[in-house]
N, C-alpha and C. Protein backbone atom coordinates (compact mmCIF):
# COMPACT_ATOMS: atom_id res chain seq x y z
N MET A 1 0.59 12.36 2.51
CA MET A 1 0.17 11.38 1.19
C MET A 1 -1.23 10.87 1.65
N THR A 2 -1.63 10.42 2.21
CA THR A 2 -3.28 10.00 2.12
C THR A 2 -4.02 12.11 2.45
N GLU A 3 -5.23 11.03 1.13
CA GLU A 3 -6.13 12.15 0.87
C GLU A 3 -7.27 12.23 1.89
N GLY A 4 -8.20 13.11 1.89
CA GLY A 4 -9.98 13.10 2.67
C GLY A 4 -9.18 13.99 3.32
N LYS A 5 -10.04 13.98 3.75
CA LYS A 5 -10.07 14.52 5.11
C LYS A 5 -9.44 14.28 6.50
N ARG A 6 -8.93 12.67 6.60
CA ARG A 6 -8.83 12.55 7.73
C ARG A 6 -6.98 12.30 7.19
N ARG A 7 -5.97 12.55 8.29
CA ARG A 7 -4.68 11.58 8.06
C ARG A 7 -4.48 10.75 8.41
N ALA A 8 -3.38 10.16 8.70
CA ALA A 8 -3.03 8.62 8.58
C ALA A 8 -1.88 9.33 10.18
N PRO A 9 -1.34 8.29 11.40
CA PRO A 9 -1.16 8.51 12.44
C PRO A 9 0.25 9.44 11.87
N GLU A 10 1.98 10.38 12.71
CA GLU A 10 2.36 10.46 12.05
C GLU A 10 3.34 9.37 11.47
N GLU A 11 3.74 8.04 12.36
CA GLU A 11 4.27 7.06 12.46
C GLU A 11 4.12 6.86 10.96
N LEU A 12 2.25 5.67 10.78
CA LEU A 12 2.16 5.24 9.45
C LEU A 12 2.47 5.94 7.97
N GLU A 13 2.01 7.45 8.39
CA GLU A 13 3.00 8.05 6.77
C GLU A 13 3.96 8.16 6.70
N ALA A 14 4.70 7.80 8.16
CA ALA A 14 6.40 7.64 7.16
C ALA A 14 6.56 6.25 6.81
N ALA A 15 5.59 5.18 7.65
CA ALA A 15 6.13 4.44 6.80
C ALA A 15 6.02 4.07 6.01
N MET A 16 4.69 4.87 5.65
CA MET A 16 4.44 4.48 4.00
C MET A 16 5.41 4.86 2.59
N LEU A 17 5.62 6.17 3.50
CA LEU A 17 6.77 7.18 2.40
C LEU A 17 8.25 6.90 2.61
N SER A 18 8.41 5.65 3.13
CA SER A 18 9.80 4.89 3.27
C SER A 18 9.33 4.12 2.73
N ALA A 19 8.43 2.82 2.46
CA ALA A 19 7.54 2.46 0.96
C ALA A 19 7.94 2.81 0.51
N LEU A 20 7.05 4.16 0.28
CA LEU A 20 7.30 3.98 -1.43
C LEU A 20 8.74 5.32 -1.85
N GLU A 21 9.57 4.91 -1.33
CA GLU A 21 11.28 5.30 -1.25
C GLU A 21 10.99 6.79 -1.32
N ASN A 22 10.93 8.04 -0.12
CA ASN A 22 9.99 8.67 -0.67
C ASN A 22 9.78 9.69 -1.41
N ASN A 23 8.95 9.06 -2.43
CA ASN A 23 7.82 9.38 -3.28
C ASN A 23 6.35 10.03 -3.48
N SER A 24 6.81 11.42 -2.84
CA SER A 24 5.47 12.05 -2.47
C SER A 24 4.34 12.04 -3.13
N SER A 25 4.07 11.76 -4.81
CA SER A 25 3.67 11.86 -6.02
C SER A 25 3.62 10.13 -6.47
N PRO A 26 2.97 9.17 -6.28
CA PRO A 26 3.61 8.49 -6.89
C PRO A 26 1.73 7.51 -7.44
N THR A 27 2.15 7.03 -9.01
CA THR A 27 1.00 6.23 -9.25
C THR A 27 0.63 5.43 -8.30
N ALA A 28 -0.53 5.21 -8.82
CA ALA A 28 -0.86 3.91 -8.03
C ALA A 28 -1.31 2.53 -8.47
N SER A 29 0.06 2.47 -9.75
CA SER A 29 1.14 1.24 -9.78
C SER A 29 2.19 1.83 -8.50
N GLN A 30 2.85 2.80 -9.03
CA GLN A 30 4.41 2.80 -7.81
C GLN A 30 3.35 2.12 -6.52
N VAL A 31 2.21 3.24 -6.04
CA VAL A 31 1.80 1.98 -4.45
C VAL A 31 1.46 0.63 -4.27
N LEU A 32 0.55 0.32 -5.56
CA LEU A 32 1.07 -1.24 -5.99
C LEU A 32 2.16 -1.47 -5.30
N ASP A 33 3.19 -1.66 -6.30
CA ASP A 33 4.34 -2.79 -6.05
C ASP A 33 4.73 -2.28 -4.42
N ALA A 34 4.92 -0.66 -4.71
CA ALA A 34 5.57 -0.90 -2.61
C ALA A 34 4.80 -1.73 -2.03
N ALA A 35 2.99 -1.91 -1.77
CA ALA A 35 2.84 -3.07 -0.98
C ALA A 35 2.80 -3.92 -1.10
N GLY A 36 3.47 -4.36 -2.35
CA GLY A 36 3.25 -5.86 -2.72
C GLY A 36 5.05 -6.23 -2.19
N ARG A 37 5.79 -5.19 -2.08
CA ARG A 37 7.35 -5.38 -1.74
C ARG A 37 7.16 -5.87 0.11
N LEU A 38 6.65 -4.31 0.11
CA LEU A 38 6.71 -4.73 2.01
C LEU A 38 5.67 -5.69 2.35
N LEU A 39 4.75 -6.56 1.32
CA LEU A 39 4.21 -7.38 1.82
C LEU A 39 4.34 -8.76 2.09
N ASP A 40 5.83 -8.72 0.56
CA ASP A 40 6.78 -9.88 0.06
C ASP A 40 7.17 -10.05 1.72
N ARG A 41 8.50 -9.38 1.78
CA ARG A 41 8.86 -9.18 3.41
C ARG A 41 8.25 -9.41 4.83
N ILE A 42 7.09 -9.12 4.66
CA ILE A 42 6.74 -9.77 5.47
C ILE A 42 6.50 -10.84 5.92
N LEU A 43 6.11 -11.26 4.73
CA LEU A 43 5.75 -12.57 5.12
C LEU A 43 7.00 -13.67 4.20
N GLN A 44 8.21 -12.97 3.98
CA GLN A 44 8.95 -14.30 4.64
C GLN A 44 10.31 -14.29 5.87
N SER A 45 9.33 -13.00 6.76
CA SER A 45 9.93 -12.88 7.82
C SER A 45 9.29 -13.74 8.86
N ASP A 46 9.38 -13.08 9.99
CA ASP A 46 7.70 -13.65 11.16
C ASP A 46 6.94 -12.57 11.78
N CYS A 47 6.87 -12.54 11.15
CA CYS A 47 5.25 -12.17 11.54
C CYS A 47 4.45 -12.05 12.44
N GLU A 48 4.69 -12.89 13.45
CA GLU A 48 4.10 -12.64 13.77
C GLU A 48 3.91 -12.28 15.44
N SER A 49 4.84 -11.47 15.92
CA SER A 49 5.68 -10.59 16.43
C SER A 49 4.60 -9.46 16.42
N ARG A 50 4.29 -8.46 17.68
CA ARG A 50 3.52 -7.33 17.62
C ARG A 50 4.70 -6.02 17.00
N ALA A 51 6.26 -5.97 16.35
CA ALA A 51 7.05 -5.50 15.50
C ALA A 51 5.97 -5.34 14.58
N SER A 52 5.43 -6.23 13.78
CA SER A 52 4.93 -6.54 12.58
C SER A 52 3.74 -5.77 12.51
N ALA A 53 3.05 -5.16 13.15
CA ALA A 53 1.89 -4.93 12.89
C ALA A 53 1.97 -3.16 11.91
N LEU A 54 3.13 -2.28 12.09
CA LEU A 54 2.67 -1.17 12.09
C LEU A 54 3.19 -1.76 10.45
N ASP A 55 4.02 -2.82 9.26
CA ASP A 55 4.49 -2.78 8.24
C ASP A 55 2.97 -3.36 7.72
N LEU A 56 2.17 -4.28 8.50
CA LEU A 56 0.77 -4.34 7.87
C LEU A 56 -0.27 -3.05 7.96
N LEU A 57 0.16 -2.79 8.98
CA LEU A 57 -0.58 -1.76 8.28
C LEU A 57 -0.37 -0.60 7.35
N THR A 58 0.66 -0.18 6.97
CA THR A 58 1.53 0.17 6.40
C THR A 58 1.00 -0.95 4.95
N VAL A 59 0.93 -2.19 4.99
CA VAL A 59 0.28 -2.79 3.06
C VAL A 59 -1.42 -1.78 3.43
N ASP A 60 -2.01 -2.22 4.50
CA ASP A 60 -3.40 -1.30 4.56
C ASP A 60 -3.49 -0.28 4.02
N ALA A 61 -2.83 0.43 4.46
CA ALA A 61 -2.72 1.58 4.37
C ALA A 61 -2.12 2.28 2.65
N LEU A 62 -0.91 0.97 1.88
CA LEU A 62 -1.26 1.52 0.65
C LEU A 62 -2.12 1.10 0.35
N MET A 63 -2.37 -0.38 -0.11
CA MET A 63 -3.63 -0.59 -0.85
C MET A 63 -4.54 0.12 -1.13
N THR A 64 -5.37 0.72 0.31
CA THR A 64 -5.75 1.85 0.37
C THR A 64 -5.86 3.22 -0.15
N HIS A 65 -4.79 3.20 -0.55
CA HIS A 65 -4.11 4.54 -1.35
C HIS A 65 -3.91 4.44 -2.27
N ALA A 66 -3.83 3.14 -3.33
CA ALA A 66 -3.74 2.64 -4.56
C ALA A 66 -4.71 2.83 -4.83
N LEU A 67 -5.88 2.29 -4.49
CA LEU A 67 -6.96 2.44 -4.80
C LEU A 67 -7.80 3.81 -4.99
N GLU A 68 -7.51 4.91 -3.97
CA GLU A 68 -7.66 5.91 -3.71
C GLU A 68 -7.14 6.53 -5.26
N ILE A 69 -6.26 6.38 -5.88
CA ILE A 69 -4.94 7.02 -6.35
C ILE A 69 -6.17 7.22 -7.67
N ALA A 70 -6.21 5.16 -7.71
CA ALA A 70 -6.70 4.53 -9.42
C ALA A 70 -8.12 5.12 -9.37
N ASN A 71 -9.30 5.33 -8.63
CA ASN A 71 -10.24 5.65 -9.25
C ASN A 71 -10.45 6.78 -9.46
N GLY A 72 -9.43 7.93 -9.38
CA GLY A 72 -9.66 9.31 -10.17
C GLY A 72 -9.97 9.31 -12.07
N ASP A 73 -9.07 8.25 -12.38
CA ASP A 73 -10.09 7.12 -13.44
C ASP A 73 -10.46 6.06 -13.57
N PRO A 74 -11.82 6.39 -13.77
CA PRO A 74 -13.22 5.58 -13.20
C PRO A 74 -13.16 4.64 -14.64
N GLU A 75 -12.24 4.82 -15.27
CA GLU A 75 -12.09 3.76 -17.04
C GLU A 75 -11.38 2.79 -16.57
N SER A 76 -10.21 2.59 -15.94
CA SER A 76 -8.75 1.88 -15.63
C SER A 76 -9.67 1.57 -14.09
N PHE A 77 -10.59 2.10 -13.69
CA PHE A 77 -10.53 1.64 -12.07
C PHE A 77 -10.56 -0.21 -11.97
N GLU A 78 -11.52 0.09 -12.21
CA GLU A 78 -12.11 -1.44 -12.35
C GLU A 78 -10.97 -2.26 -12.77
N VAL A 79 -10.35 -2.38 -13.87
CA VAL A 79 -9.29 -3.51 -14.33
C VAL A 79 -7.65 -3.09 -13.07
N PHE A 80 -7.44 -2.46 -12.67
CA PHE A 80 -6.77 -1.97 -11.68
C PHE A 80 -6.77 -2.32 -10.34
N SER A 81 -8.86 -2.35 -10.27
CA SER A 81 -8.39 -2.74 -8.55
C SER A 81 -8.84 -4.50 -8.71
N GLU A 82 -9.26 -5.19 -9.79
CA GLU A 82 -9.02 -6.26 -9.98
C GLU A 82 -6.92 -6.56 -9.85
N GLN A 83 -6.93 -6.12 -10.57
CA GLN A 83 -5.01 -6.60 -10.85
C GLN A 83 -4.63 -6.45 -9.01
N ALA A 84 -4.74 -5.74 -8.78
CA ALA A 84 -4.58 -5.17 -6.97
C ALA A 84 -5.29 -6.49 -6.15
N MET A 85 -6.08 -6.75 -6.80
CA MET A 85 -6.87 -7.87 -5.77
C MET A 85 -5.30 -8.84 -5.58
N ARG A 86 -5.20 -9.44 -7.28
CA ARG A 86 -4.13 -10.55 -7.53
C ARG A 86 -3.68 -10.81 -6.63
N ARG A 87 -2.65 -9.08 -7.14
CA ARG A 87 -1.10 -9.38 -6.65
C ARG A 87 -1.13 -9.53 -4.85
N ILE A 88 -1.54 -8.84 -4.56
CA ILE A 88 -2.11 -9.14 -3.05
C ILE A 88 -2.73 -10.66 -3.17
N ALA A 89 -3.09 -11.27 -3.14
CA ALA A 89 -4.09 -13.03 -3.19
C ALA A 89 -2.88 -14.03 -3.51
N SER A 90 -1.61 -13.18 -5.02
CA SER A 90 -0.96 -14.10 -4.89
C SER A 90 0.66 -13.95 -4.26
N ALA A 91 0.96 -13.39 -2.82
CA ALA A 91 1.43 -12.60 -2.45
C ALA A 91 2.17 -13.54 -1.84
N GLY A 92 3.85 -14.58 -1.31
CA GLY A 92 4.29 -15.00 -0.31
C GLY A 92 4.75 -16.30 -0.81
């Protein structure tokens, strides 16, 4: 799931894949959508418990992954990153 030299811990990888509905080759927009859905779900629940930690880490990892994918197209990266930040800022 994650690109680069380091892989995420297995549990985080599994949570990311689950949020992506087992899509192992998503687009940046699909990853952003998955992060947004998960964040909305977290914010609608009691996210103060320790059980929410993995979900919050998953949102963070999905956002990072979406930006990594989008970075592959420098011409649209700035627009995508701005869109991503607005989407997350308006969650909840």
